[in-house]
Protein backbone atom coordinates (compact mmCIF):
# COMPACT_ATOMS: atom_id res chain seq x y z
CA MET A 1 110.06 17.71 169.88
CA VAL A 2 110.34 14.43 171.79
CA MET A 3 111.03 14.62 175.51
CA PRO A 4 112.66 11.94 177.71
CA GLY A 5 110.14 9.20 178.47
CA ASP A 6 108.06 9.86 175.33
CA ASN A 7 107.38 7.05 172.84
CA VAL A 8 107.29 7.77 169.09
CA GLN A 9 107.06 5.87 165.81
CA MET A 10 109.46 6.94 163.03
CA GLU A 11 110.24 6.00 159.48
CA ILE A 12 113.98 6.38 158.92
CA THR A 13 116.05 6.25 155.72
CA LEU A 14 119.69 5.30 156.31
CA ILE A 15 122.50 7.18 154.55
CA THR A 16 124.74 4.12 154.43
CA PRO A 17 123.32 0.61 153.95
CA ILE A 18 123.81 -1.67 156.98
CA ALA A 19 122.42 -5.05 158.01
CA ILE A 20 119.27 -4.55 160.12
CA GLU A 21 116.55 -6.93 161.26
CA GLU A 22 113.40 -6.63 163.33
CA GLY A 23 114.06 -6.58 167.08
CA LEU A 24 117.51 -4.99 166.68
CA ARG A 25 118.28 -2.22 169.20
CA PHE A 26 119.83 0.99 167.81
CA ALA A 27 121.10 4.39 168.93
CA ILE A 28 120.73 7.73 167.15
CA ARG A 29 123.86 9.85 167.58
CA GLU A 30 124.56 13.49 166.82
CA GLY A 31 127.97 15.07 167.28
CA GLY A 32 129.28 12.07 169.23
CA ARG A 33 126.38 12.18 171.70
CA THR A 34 123.49 9.70 171.88
CA VAL A 35 120.25 11.63 171.36
CA GLY A 36 117.89 8.66 171.02
CA SER A 37 117.60 4.90 171.09
CA GLY A 38 115.05 2.31 170.14
CA VAL A 39 114.15 -1.07 168.68
CA VAL A 40 113.41 -1.91 165.04
CA ALA A 41 109.72 -2.88 165.10
CA LYS A 42 109.04 -3.48 161.38
CA MET A 43 110.98 -3.43 158.12
CA LEU A 44 109.38 -1.53 155.23
CA ALA A 45 109.94 -2.32 151.53
CA ASP A 46 111.81 0.24 149.39
């Protein structure tokens, strides 16, 4: 579990392809509510 103020590193696989680049800010939403946000630090090859 991640608590407010914690920093984590994640590897995420998107369900739908979208244009993303390093440095892009993003939000993770669940049920219409934002449950997380971050910045793309590095792109990984498939």
